[in-house]
């Protein structure tokens, strides 16, 4: 089942940009906006990303980053 969302008070410059981008892609503005919403929701939220990063185990290097870089540059 689909429902309708209405967005009010869209600034005219934003409306023109949305309309132009939809036209460039050959889709309706509704389809363009729906696709952009879907793309945004595919990415993790800031909170989800921070939680995922925070849950990673601590990584400890056995050498300094500068030493590792010097070694890698020496291999070139």
PDB file of N, CA and C in Angstrom:
ATOM      1  N   UNK A   1       0.838  -1.186   0.000  1.00  0.00           N
ATOM      2  CA  UNK A   1       0.000   0.000   0.000  1.00  0.00           C
ATOM      3  C   UNK A   1       0.876   1.240   0.000  1.00  0.00           C
ATOM      4  N   UNK A   2       0.529   2.204  -0.788  1.00  0.00           N
ATOM      5  CA  UNK A   2       1.296   3.444  -0.822  1.00  0.00           C
ATOM      6  C   UNK A   2       0.499   4.557  -0.156  1.00  0.00           C
ATOM      7  N   UNK A   3       1.224   5.511   0.353  1.00  0.00           N
ATOM      8  CA  UNK A   3       0.599   6.684   0.956  1.00  0.00           C
ATOM      9  C   UNK A   3       1.214   7.926   0.321  1.00  0.00           C
ATOM     10  N   UNK A   4       0.606   9.055   0.595  1.00  0.00           N
ATOM     11  CA  UNK A   4       1.055  10.297   0.017  1.00  0.00           C
ATOM     12  C   UNK A   4       1.698  11.157   1.094  1.00  0.00           C
ATOM     13  N   UNK A   5       2.783  11.813   0.725  1.00  0.00           N
ATOM     14  CA  UNK A   5       3.456  12.775   1.599  1.00  0.00           C
ATOM     15  C   UNK A   5       3.402  14.124   0.901  1.00  0.00           C
ATOM     16  N   UNK A   6       3.048  15.133   1.634  1.00  0.00           N
ATOM     17  CA  UNK A   6       3.016  16.476   1.066  1.00  0.00           C
ATOM     18  C   UNK A   6       4.032  17.327   1.821  1.00  0.00           C
ATOM     19  N   UNK A   7       4.839  18.053   1.069  1.00  0.00           N
ATOM     20  CA  UNK A   7       5.827  18.943   1.682  1.00  0.00           C
ATOM     21  C   UNK A   7       5.421  20.369   1.367  1.00  0.00           C
ATOM     22  N   UNK A   8       5.241  21.143   2.405  1.00  0.00           N
ATOM     23  CA  UNK A   8       4.807  22.532   2.230  1.00  0.00           C
ATOM     24  C   UNK A   8       5.982  23.482   2.380  1.00  0.00           C
ATOM     25  N   UNK A   9       5.792  24.664   1.887  1.00  0.00           N
ATOM     26  CA  UNK A   9       6.748  25.765   2.030  1.00  0.00           C
ATOM     27  C   UNK A   9       8.119  25.435   1.440  1.00  0.00           C
ATOM     28  N   UNK A  10       8.115  24.784   0.291  1.00  0.00           N
ATOM     29  CA  UNK A  10       9.364  24.496  -0.409  1.00  0.00           C
ATOM     30  C   UNK A  10       9.822  25.790  -1.080  1.00  0.00           C
ATOM     31  N   UNK A  11      11.029  26.246  -0.782  1.00  0.00           N
ATOM     32  CA  UNK A  11      11.509  27.482  -1.409  1.00  0.00           C
ATOM     33  C   UNK A  11      11.558  27.327  -2.934  1.00  0.00           C
ATOM     34  N   UNK A  12      11.220  28.392  -3.626  1.00  0.00           N
ATOM     35  CA  UNK A  12      11.166  28.357  -5.095  1.00  0.00           C
ATOM     36  C   UNK A  12      12.481  27.907  -5.733  1.00  0.00           C
ATOM     37  N   UNK A  13      13.639  28.386  -5.255  1.00  0.00           N
ATOM     38  CA  UNK A  13      14.890  27.914  -5.877  1.00  0.00           C
ATOM     39  C   UNK A  13      15.090  26.393  -5.726  1.00  0.00           C
ATOM     40  N   UNK A  14      14.722  25.842  -4.594  1.00  0.00           N
ATOM     41  CA  UNK A  14      14.836  24.401  -4.380  1.00  0.00           C
ATOM     42  C   UNK A  14      13.881  23.659  -5.309  1.00  0.00           C
ATOM     43  N   UNK A  15      12.673  24.161  -5.452  1.00  0.00           N
ATOM     44  CA  UNK A  15      11.693  23.545  -6.343  1.00  0.00           C
ATOM     45  C   UNK A  15      12.209  23.519  -7.777  1.00  0.00           C
ATOM     46  N   UNK A  16      12.807  24.625  -8.210  1.00  0.00           N
ATOM     47  CA  UNK A  16      13.358  24.688  -9.573  1.00  0.00           C
ATOM     48  C   UNK A  16      14.486  23.677  -9.752  1.00  0.00           C
ATOM     49  N   UNK A  17      15.353  23.543  -8.746  1.00  0.00           N
ATOM     50  CA  UNK A  17      16.450  22.577  -8.834  1.00  0.00           C
ATOM     51  C   UNK A  17      15.922  21.143  -8.924  1.00  0.00           C
ATOM     52  N   UNK A  18      14.948  20.822  -8.083  1.00  0.00           N
ATOM     53  CA  UNK A  18      14.373  19.479  -8.112  1.00  0.00           C
ATOM     54  C   UNK A  18      13.738  19.188  -9.467  1.00  0.00           C
ATOM     55  N   UNK A  19      12.988  20.164  -9.969  1.00  0.00           N
ATOM     56  CA  UNK A  19      12.315  19.992 -11.252  1.00  0.00           C
ATOM     57  C   UNK A  19      13.330  19.803 -12.378  1.00  0.00           C
ATOM     58  N   UNK A  20      14.412  20.590 -12.352  1.00  0.00           N
ATOM     59  CA  UNK A  20      15.437  20.498 -13.391  1.00  0.00           C
ATOM     60  C   UNK A  20      16.162  19.158 -13.336  1.00  0.00           C
ATOM     61  N   UNK A  21      16.521  18.702 -12.146  1.00  0.00           N
ATOM     62  CA  UNK A  21      17.223  17.417 -12.032  1.00  0.00           C
ATOM     63  C   UNK A  21      16.336  16.263 -12.462  1.00  0.00           C
ATOM     64  N   UNK A  22      15.079  16.315 -12.092  1.00  0.00           N
ATOM     65  CA  UNK A  22      14.146  15.262 -12.509  1.00  0.00           C
ATOM     66  C   UNK A  22      14.043  15.243 -14.033  1.00  0.00           C
ATOM     67  N   UNK A  23      13.959  16.423 -14.633  1.00  0.00           N
ATOM     68  CA  UNK A  23      13.856  16.502 -16.091  1.00  0.00           C
ATOM     69  C   UNK A  23      15.118  15.962 -16.759  1.00  0.00           C
ATOM     70  N   UNK A  24      16.279  16.285 -16.205  1.00  0.00           N
ATOM     71  CA  UNK A  24      17.536  15.776 -16.771  1.00  0.00           C
ATOM     72  C   UNK A  24      17.593  14.249 -16.756  1.00  0.00           C
ATOM     73  N   UNK A  25      16.989  13.656 -15.745  1.00  0.00           N
ATOM     74  CA  UNK A  25      16.991  12.202 -15.625  1.00  0.00           C
ATOM     75  C   UNK A  25      15.778  11.565 -16.296  1.00  0.00           C
ATOM     76  N   UNK A  26      14.887  12.391 -16.816  1.00  0.00           N
ATOM     77  CA  UNK A  26      13.738  11.874 -17.545  1.00  0.00           C
ATOM     78  C   UNK A  26      12.691  11.205 -16.673  1.00  0.00           C
ATOM     79  N   UNK A  27      12.568  11.675 -15.432  1.00  0.00           N
ATOM     80  CA  UNK A  27      11.562  11.110 -14.528  1.00  0.00           C
ATOM     81  C   UNK A  27      10.727  12.247 -13.955  1.00  0.00           C
ATOM     82  N   UNK A  28       9.601  11.877 -13.368  1.00  0.00           N
ATOM     83  CA  UNK A  28       8.766  12.894 -12.726  1.00  0.00           C
ATOM     84  C   UNK A  28       9.463  13.391 -11.461  1.00  0.00           C
ATOM     85  N   UNK A  29       9.064  14.575 -11.029  1.00  0.00           N
ATOM     86  CA  UNK A  29       9.649  15.100  -9.810  1.00  0.00           C
ATOM     87  C   UNK A  29       9.307  14.208  -8.627  1.00  0.00           C
ATOM     88  N   UNK A  30       8.109  13.665  -8.585  1.00  0.00           N
ATOM     89  CA  UNK A  30       7.733  12.754  -7.496  1.00  0.00           C
ATOM     90  C   UNK A  30       8.642  11.535  -7.467  1.00  0.00           C
ATOM     91  N   UNK A  31       8.901  10.947  -8.641  1.00  0.00           N
ATOM     92  CA  UNK A  31       9.770   9.762  -8.712  1.00  0.00           C
ATOM     93  C   UNK A  31      11.194  10.108  -8.306  1.00  0.00           C
ATOM     94  N   UNK A  32      11.660  11.279  -8.761  1.00  0.00           N
ATOM     95  CA  UNK A  32      13.010  11.719  -8.426  1.00  0.00           C
ATOM     96  C   UNK A  32      13.166  11.884  -6.908  1.00  0.00           C
ATOM     97  N   UNK A  33      12.212  12.571  -6.288  1.00  0.00           N
ATOM     98  CA  UNK A  33      12.276  12.814  -4.845  1.00  0.00           C
ATOM     99  C   UNK A  33      12.158  11.501  -4.081  1.00  0.00           C
ATOM    100  N   UNK A  34      11.281  10.610  -4.500  1.00  0.00           N
ATOM    101  CA  UNK A  34      11.139   9.314  -3.839  1.00  0.00           C
ATOM    102  C   UNK A  34      12.450   8.531  -3.902  1.00  0.00           C
ATOM    103  N   UNK A  35      13.085   8.551  -5.063  1.00  0.00           N
ATOM    104  CA  UNK A  35      14.364   7.850  -5.214  1.00  0.00           C
ATOM    105  C   UNK A  35      15.435   8.446  -4.300  1.00  0.00           C
ATOM    106  N   UNK A  36      15.466   9.757  -4.172  1.00  0.00           N
ATOM    107  CA  UNK A  36      16.440  10.411  -3.299  1.00  0.00           C
ATOM    108  C   UNK A  36      16.184  10.060  -1.830  1.00  0.00           C
ATOM    109  N   UNK A  37      14.922   9.967  -1.446  1.00  0.00           N
ATOM    110  CA  UNK A  37      14.583   9.566  -0.077  1.00  0.00           C
ATOM    111  C   UNK A  37      15.042   8.136   0.164  1.00  0.00           C
ATOM    112  N   UNK A  38      14.791   7.250  -0.804  1.00  0.00           N
ATOM    113  CA  UNK A  38      15.225   5.849  -0.672  1.00  0.00           C
ATOM    114  C   UNK A  38      16.739   5.761  -0.523  1.00  0.00           C
ATOM    115  N   UNK A  39      17.468   6.532  -1.321  1.00  0.00           N
ATOM    116  CA  UNK A  39      18.939   6.537  -1.229  1.00  0.00           C
ATOM    117  C   UNK A  39      19.395   7.007   0.144  1.00  0.00           C
ATOM    118  N   UNK A  40      18.768   8.046   0.647  1.00  0.00           N
ATOM    119  CA  UNK A  40      19.154   8.581   1.952  1.00  0.00           C
ATOM    120  C   UNK A  40      18.931   7.551   3.054  1.00  0.00           C
ATOM    121  N   UNK A  41      17.855   6.786   2.949  1.00  0.00           N
ATOM    122  CA  UNK A  41      17.544   5.807   3.992  1.00  0.00           C
ATOM    123  C   UNK A  41      18.365   4.529   3.872  1.00  0.00           C
ATOM    124  N   UNK A  42      19.029   4.317   2.735  1.00  0.00           N
ATOM    125  CA  UNK A  42      19.913   3.157   2.589  1.00  0.00           C
ATOM    126  C   UNK A  42      21.199   3.354   3.388  1.00  0.00           C
ATOM    127  N   UNK A  43      21.593   4.588   3.597  1.00  0.00           N
ATOM    128  CA  UNK A  43      22.806   4.885   4.354  1.00  0.00           C
ATOM    129  C   UNK A  43      22.473   4.868   5.842  1.00  0.00           C
ATOM    130  N   UNK A  44      23.438   4.451   6.663  1.00  0.00           N
ATOM    131  CA  UNK A  44      23.173   4.473   8.105  1.00  0.00           C
ATOM    132  C   UNK A  44      23.057   5.908   8.607  1.00  0.00           C
ATOM    133  N   UNK A  45      22.271   6.078   9.645  1.00  0.00           N
ATOM    134  CA  UNK A  45      22.164   7.406  10.255  1.00  0.00           C
ATOM    135  C   UNK A  45      23.481   7.707  10.969  1.00  0.00           C
ATOM    136  N   UNK A  46      23.681   8.938  11.320  1.00  0.00           N
ATOM    137  CA  UNK A  46      24.890   9.326  12.061  1.00  0.00           C
ATOM    138  C   UNK A  46      25.011   8.516  13.350  1.00  0.00           C
ATOM    139  N   UNK A  47      23.897   8.352  14.047  1.00  0.00           N
ATOM    140  CA  UNK A  47      23.913   7.593  15.306  1.00  0.00           C
ATOM    141  C   UNK A  47      24.293   6.129  15.050  1.00  0.00           C
ATOM    142  N   UNK A  48      23.702   5.521  14.012  1.00  0.00           N
ATOM    143  CA  UNK A  48      24.017   4.132  13.682  1.00  0.00           C
ATOM    144  C   UNK A  48      25.494   3.978  13.320  1.00  0.00           C
ATOM    145  N   UNK A  49      26.021   4.933  12.578  1.00  0.00           N
ATOM    146  CA  UNK A  49      27.424   4.880  12.187  1.00  0.00           C
ATOM    147  C   UNK A  49      28.341   5.010  13.404  1.00  0.00           C
ATOM    148  N   UNK A  50      28.036   5.962  14.278  1.00  0.00           N
ATOM    149  CA  UNK A  50      28.850   6.134  15.479  1.00  0.00           C
ATOM    150  C   UNK A  50      28.777   4.908  16.385  1.00  0.00           C
ATOM    151  N   UNK A  51      27.602   4.310  16.506  1.00  0.00           N
ATOM    152  CA  UNK A  51      27.467   3.092  17.309  1.00  0.00           C
ATOM    153  C   UNK A  51      28.284   1.944  16.725  1.00  0.00           C
ATOM    154  N   UNK A  52      28.270   1.812  15.394  1.00  0.00           N
ATOM    155  CA  UNK A  52      29.033   0.748  14.741  1.00  0.00           C
ATOM    156  C   UNK A  52      30.528   0.957  14.935  1.00  0.00           C
ATOM    157  N   UNK A  53      30.975   2.196  14.807  1.00  0.00           N
ATOM    158  CA  UNK A  53      32.392   2.491  15.008  1.00  0.00           C
ATOM    159  C   UNK A  53      32.778   2.232  16.462  1.00  0.00           C
ATOM    160  N   UNK A  54      31.915   2.656  17.375  1.00  0.00           N
ATOM    161  CA  UNK A  54      32.199   2.467  18.798  1.00  0.00           C
ATOM    162  C   UNK A  54      32.223   1.015  19.229  1.00  0.00           C
ATOM    163  N   UNK A  55      31.561   0.151  18.503  1.00  0.00           N
ATOM    164  CA  UNK A  55      31.507  -1.260  18.886  1.00  0.00           C
ATOM    165  C   UNK A  55      32.690  -2.064  18.339  1.00  0.00           C
ATOM    166  N   UNK A  56      33.519  -1.431  17.507  1.00  0.00           N
ATOM    167  CA  UNK A  56      34.680  -2.131  16.956  1.00  0.00           C
ATOM    168  C   UNK A  56      35.743  -2.319  18.038  1.00  0.00           C
ATOM    169  N   UNK A  57      36.448  -3.457  17.998  1.00  0.00           N
ATOM    170  CA  UNK A  57      37.511  -3.651  18.982  1.00  0.00           C
ATOM    171  C   UNK A  57      38.637  -2.652  18.745  1.00  0.00           C
ATOM    172  N   UNK A  58      39.336  -2.319  19.802  1.00  0.00           N
ATOM    173  CA  UNK A  58      40.446  -1.381  19.700  1.00  0.00           C
ATOM    174  C   UNK A  58      41.559  -2.015  18.878  1.00  0.00           C
ATOM    175  N   UNK A  59      42.154  -1.228  18.013  1.00  0.00           N
ATOM    176  CA  UNK A  59      43.229  -1.714  17.156  1.00  0.00           C
ATOM    177  C   UNK A  59      44.519  -1.066  17.625  1.00  0.00           C
ATOM    178  N   UNK A  60      45.495  -1.887  17.973  1.00  0.00           N
ATOM    179  CA  UNK A  60      46.763  -1.372  18.478  1.00  0.00           C
ATOM    180  C   UNK A  60      47.866  -1.719  17.483  1.00  0.00           C
ATOM    181  N   UNK A  61      48.611  -0.698  17.082  1.00  0.00           N
ATOM    182  CA  UNK A  61      49.732  -0.902  16.168  1.00  0.00           C
ATOM    183  C   UNK A  61      50.972  -1.293  16.960  1.00  0.00           C
ATOM    184  N   UNK A  62      51.784  -2.165  16.375  1.00  0.00           N
ATOM    185  CA  UNK A  62      53.025  -2.542  17.049  1.00  0.00           C
ATOM    186  C   UNK A  62      54.168  -1.598  16.694  1.00  0.00           C
ATOM    187  N   UNK A  63      53.910  -0.688  15.723  1.00  0.00           N
ATOM    188  CA  UNK A  63      54.882   0.325  15.321  1.00  0.00           C
ATOM    189  C   UNK A  63      54.146   1.645  15.137  1.00  0.00           C
ATOM    190  N   UNK A  64      54.912   2.721  15.090  1.00  0.00           N
ATOM    191  CA  UNK A  64      54.269   4.021  14.901  1.00  0.00           C
ATOM    192  C   UNK A  64      53.813   4.155  13.452  1.00  0.00           C
ATOM    193  N   UNK A  65      52.753   4.922  13.206  1.00  0.00           N
ATOM    194  CA  UNK A  65      52.301   5.155  11.828  1.00  0.00           C
ATOM    195  C   UNK A  65      53.403   5.749  10.955  1.00  0.00           C
ATOM    196  N   UNK A  66      54.244   6.606  11.524  1.00  0.00           N
ATOM    197  CA  UNK A  66      55.338   7.207  10.754  1.00  0.00           C
ATOM    198  C   UNK A  66      56.309   6.130  10.274  1.00  0.00           C
ATOM    199  N   UNK A  67      56.630   5.161  11.127  1.00  0.00           N
ATOM    200  CA  UNK A  67      57.527   4.072  10.726  1.00  0.00           C
ATOM    201  C   UNK A  67      56.908   3.232   9.615  1.00  0.00           C
ATOM    202  N   UNK A  68      55.626   2.967   9.713  1.00  0.00           N
ATOM    203  CA  UNK A  68      54.933   2.175   8.683  1.00  0.00           C
ATOM    204  C   UNK A  68      54.961   2.915   7.351  1.00  0.00           C
ATOM    205  N   UNK A  69      54.701   4.228   7.371  1.00  0.00           N
ATOM    206  CA  UNK A  69      54.730   5.031   6.137  1.00  0.00           C
ATOM    207  C   UNK A  69      56.117   5.049   5.518  1.00  0.00           C
ATOM    208  N   UNK A  70      57.138   5.238   6.354  1.00  0.00           N
ATOM    209  CA  UNK A  70      58.512   5.246   5.835  1.00  0.00           C
ATOM    210  C   UNK A  70      58.833   3.919   5.154  1.00  0.00           C
ATOM    211  N   UNK A  71      58.426   2.826   5.779  1.00  0.00           N
ATOM    212  CA  UNK A  71      58.677   1.507   5.197  1.00  0.00           C
ATOM    213  C   UNK A  71      57.948   1.350   3.868  1.00  0.00           C
ATOM    214  N   UNK A  72      56.661   1.751   3.809  1.00  0.00           N
ATOM    215  CA  UNK A  72      55.885   1.639   2.569  1.00  0.00           C
ATOM    216  C   UNK A  72      56.492   2.508   1.462  1.00  0.00           C
ATOM    217  N   UNK A  73      56.922   3.699   1.802  1.00  0.00           N
ATOM    218  CA  UNK A  73      57.524   4.574   0.804  1.00  0.00           C
ATOM    219  C   UNK A  73      58.849   4.002   0.299  1.00  0.00           C
ATOM    220  N   UNK A  74      59.569   3.300   1.166  1.00  0.00           N
ATOM    221  CA  UNK A  74      60.815   2.684   0.772  1.00  0.00           C
ATOM    222  C   UNK A  74      60.630   1.539  -0.200  1.00  0.00           C
ATOM    223  N   UNK A  75      59.416   0.934  -0.228  1.00  0.00           N
ATOM    224  CA  UNK A  75      59.139  -0.182  -1.116  1.00  0.00           C
ATOM    225  C   UNK A  75      58.847   0.262  -2.547  1.00  0.00           C
ATOM    226  N   UNK A  76      58.617   1.551  -2.739  1.00  0.00           N
ATOM    227  CA  UNK A  76      58.250   2.057  -4.071  1.00  0.00           C
ATOM    228  C   UNK A  76      59.433   2.218  -4.978  1.00  0.00           C
TER     229      UNK A  76
END
